Amino acid sequence: MTNYIEDQLIEMSEDEEEMMLVLEFVKENTKQFDASHDYDHALKVARNAIKICQQTDVIYLALLHDVCD
């Protein structure tokens, strides 16, 4: 089940399958973090990236920015 932001990211991506893989990777690799660096935070950062520029690479960077914390 996806939420609105996930749906928006998948719909606007050049490769929907790749975006779904990135989303799942981020979800799995941020679940141990608190709310300041969790999956919902990554989605919010990605939503802001969409507002700034709708380039897939920038969206991926926004989603992945806390994975290695």
C-alpha atoms as a PDB file:
ATOM      1  CA  MET A   1       0.000   0.000   0.000  1.00  0.00           C
ATOM      2  CA  THR A   2       1.442   3.362  -1.000  1.00  0.00           C
ATOM      3  CA  ASN A   3       0.677   6.835   0.216  1.00  0.00           C
ATOM      4  CA  TYR A   4       0.139   9.999  -1.801  1.00  0.00           C
ATOM      5  CA  ILE A   5       3.806  11.041  -1.875  1.00  0.00           C
ATOM      6  CA  GLU A   6       4.933   7.557  -2.918  1.00  0.00           C
ATOM      7  CA  ASP A   7       2.285   7.520  -5.651  1.00  0.00           C
ATOM      8  CA  GLN A   8       3.441  10.912  -6.871  1.00  0.00           C
ATOM      9  CA  LEU A   9       7.098   9.812  -6.932  1.00  0.00           C
ATOM     10  CA  ILE A  10       6.289   6.599  -8.800  1.00  0.00           C
ATOM     11  CA  GLU A  11       4.053   8.378 -11.310  1.00  0.00           C
ATOM     12  CA  MET A  12       6.550  11.127 -12.160  1.00  0.00           C
ATOM     13  CA  SER A  13       9.598   8.880 -12.384  1.00  0.00           C
ATOM     14  CA  GLU A  14      11.146   7.869 -15.676  1.00  0.00           C
ATOM     15  CA  ASP A  15      11.333   4.261 -14.497  1.00  0.00           C
ATOM     16  CA  GLU A  16       8.509   3.297 -12.136  1.00  0.00           C
ATOM     17  CA  GLU A  17      10.056  -0.054 -11.214  1.00  0.00           C
ATOM     18  CA  GLU A  18      13.359   1.583 -10.311  1.00  0.00           C
ATOM     19  CA  MET A  19      11.587   4.180  -8.157  1.00  0.00           C
ATOM     20  CA  MET A  20       9.684   1.426  -6.355  1.00  0.00           C
ATOM     21  CA  LEU A  21      12.987  -0.352  -5.645  1.00  0.00           C
ATOM     22  CA  VAL A  22      14.537   2.852  -4.287  1.00  0.00           C
ATOM     23  CA  LEU A  23      11.491   3.501  -2.097  1.00  0.00           C
ATOM     24  CA  GLU A  24      11.617  -0.031  -0.697  1.00  0.00           C
ATOM     25  CA  PHE A  25      15.369   0.266  -0.090  1.00  0.00           C
ATOM     26  CA  VAL A  26      14.928   3.549   1.769  1.00  0.00           C
ATOM     27  CA  LYS A  27      11.994   2.175   3.780  1.00  0.00           C
ATOM     28  CA  GLU A  28      14.002  -0.880   4.837  1.00  0.00           C
ATOM     29  CA  ASN A  29      17.209   1.016   5.607  1.00  0.00           C
ATOM     30  CA  THR A  30      15.684   3.861   7.625  1.00  0.00           C
ATOM     31  CA  LYS A  31      13.264   1.917   9.822  1.00  0.00           C
ATOM     32  CA  GLN A  32      15.739   1.874  12.722  1.00  0.00           C
ATOM     33  CA  PHE A  33      16.011   5.683  12.774  1.00  0.00           C
ATOM     34  CA  ASP A  34      13.936   8.097  14.813  1.00  0.00           C
ATOM     35  CA  ALA A  35      11.426  10.444  13.178  1.00  0.00           C
ATOM     36  CA  SER A  36      14.121  12.973  12.286  1.00  0.00           C
ATOM     37  CA  HIS A  37      15.677  10.524   9.793  1.00  0.00           C
ATOM     38  CA  ASP A  38      13.017   7.884   9.103  1.00  0.00           C
ATOM     39  CA  TYR A  39      11.158   6.916   5.922  1.00  0.00           C
ATOM     40  CA  ASP A  40       8.461   9.561   6.362  1.00  0.00           C
ATOM     41  CA  HIS A  41      11.185  12.202   6.682  1.00  0.00           C
ATOM     42  CA  ALA A  42      12.795  10.936   3.456  1.00  0.00           C
ATOM     43  CA  LEU A  43       9.425  11.212   1.690  1.00  0.00           C
ATOM     44  CA  LYS A  44       8.991  14.782   2.927  1.00  0.00           C
ATOM     45  CA  VAL A  45      12.455  15.716   1.645  1.00  0.00           C
ATOM     46  CA  ALA A  46      11.625  14.075  -1.699  1.00  0.00           C
ATOM     47  CA  ARG A  47       8.345  16.013  -1.856  1.00  0.00           C
ATOM     48  CA  ASN A  48      10.294  19.242  -1.382  1.00  0.00           C
ATOM     49  CA  ALA A  49      12.758  18.160  -4.076  1.00  0.00           C
ATOM     50  CA  ILE A  50       9.832  17.685  -6.464  1.00  0.00           C
ATOM     51  CA  LYS A  51       8.751  21.268  -5.803  1.00  0.00           C
ATOM     52  CA  ILE A  52      12.267  22.529  -6.561  1.00  0.00           C
ATOM     53  CA  CYS A  53      13.046  20.377  -9.579  1.00  0.00           C
ATOM     54  CA  GLN A  54      11.444  17.298 -11.039  1.00  0.00           C
ATOM     55  CA  GLN A  55      14.618  15.463 -12.009  1.00  0.00           C
ATOM     56  CA  THR A  56      14.681  11.811 -10.995  1.00  0.00           C
ATOM     57  CA  ASP A  57      18.332  11.888  -9.885  1.00  0.00           C
ATOM     58  CA  VAL A  58      17.588  14.727  -7.465  1.00  0.00           C
ATOM     59  CA  ILE A  59      14.578  12.838  -6.111  1.00  0.00           C
ATOM     60  CA  TYR A  60      16.734   9.736  -5.540  1.00  0.00           C
ATOM     61  CA  LEU A  61      19.314  11.812  -3.676  1.00  0.00           C
ATOM     62  CA  ALA A  62      16.584  13.322  -1.528  1.00  0.00           C
ATOM     63  CA  LEU A  63      15.225   9.879  -0.681  1.00  0.00           C
ATOM     64  CA  LEU A  64      18.636   8.383   0.071  1.00  0.00           C
ATOM     65  CA  HIS A  65      20.196  11.261   1.989  1.00  0.00           C
ATOM     66  CA  ASP A  66      19.869   9.623   5.441  1.00  0.00           C
ATOM     67  CA  VAL A  67      20.295   5.937   4.584  1.00  0.00           C
ATOM     68  CA  CYS A  68      23.941   5.816   5.700  1.00  0.00           C
ATOM     69  CA  ASP A  69      23.515   7.800   8.918  1.00  0.00           C
END
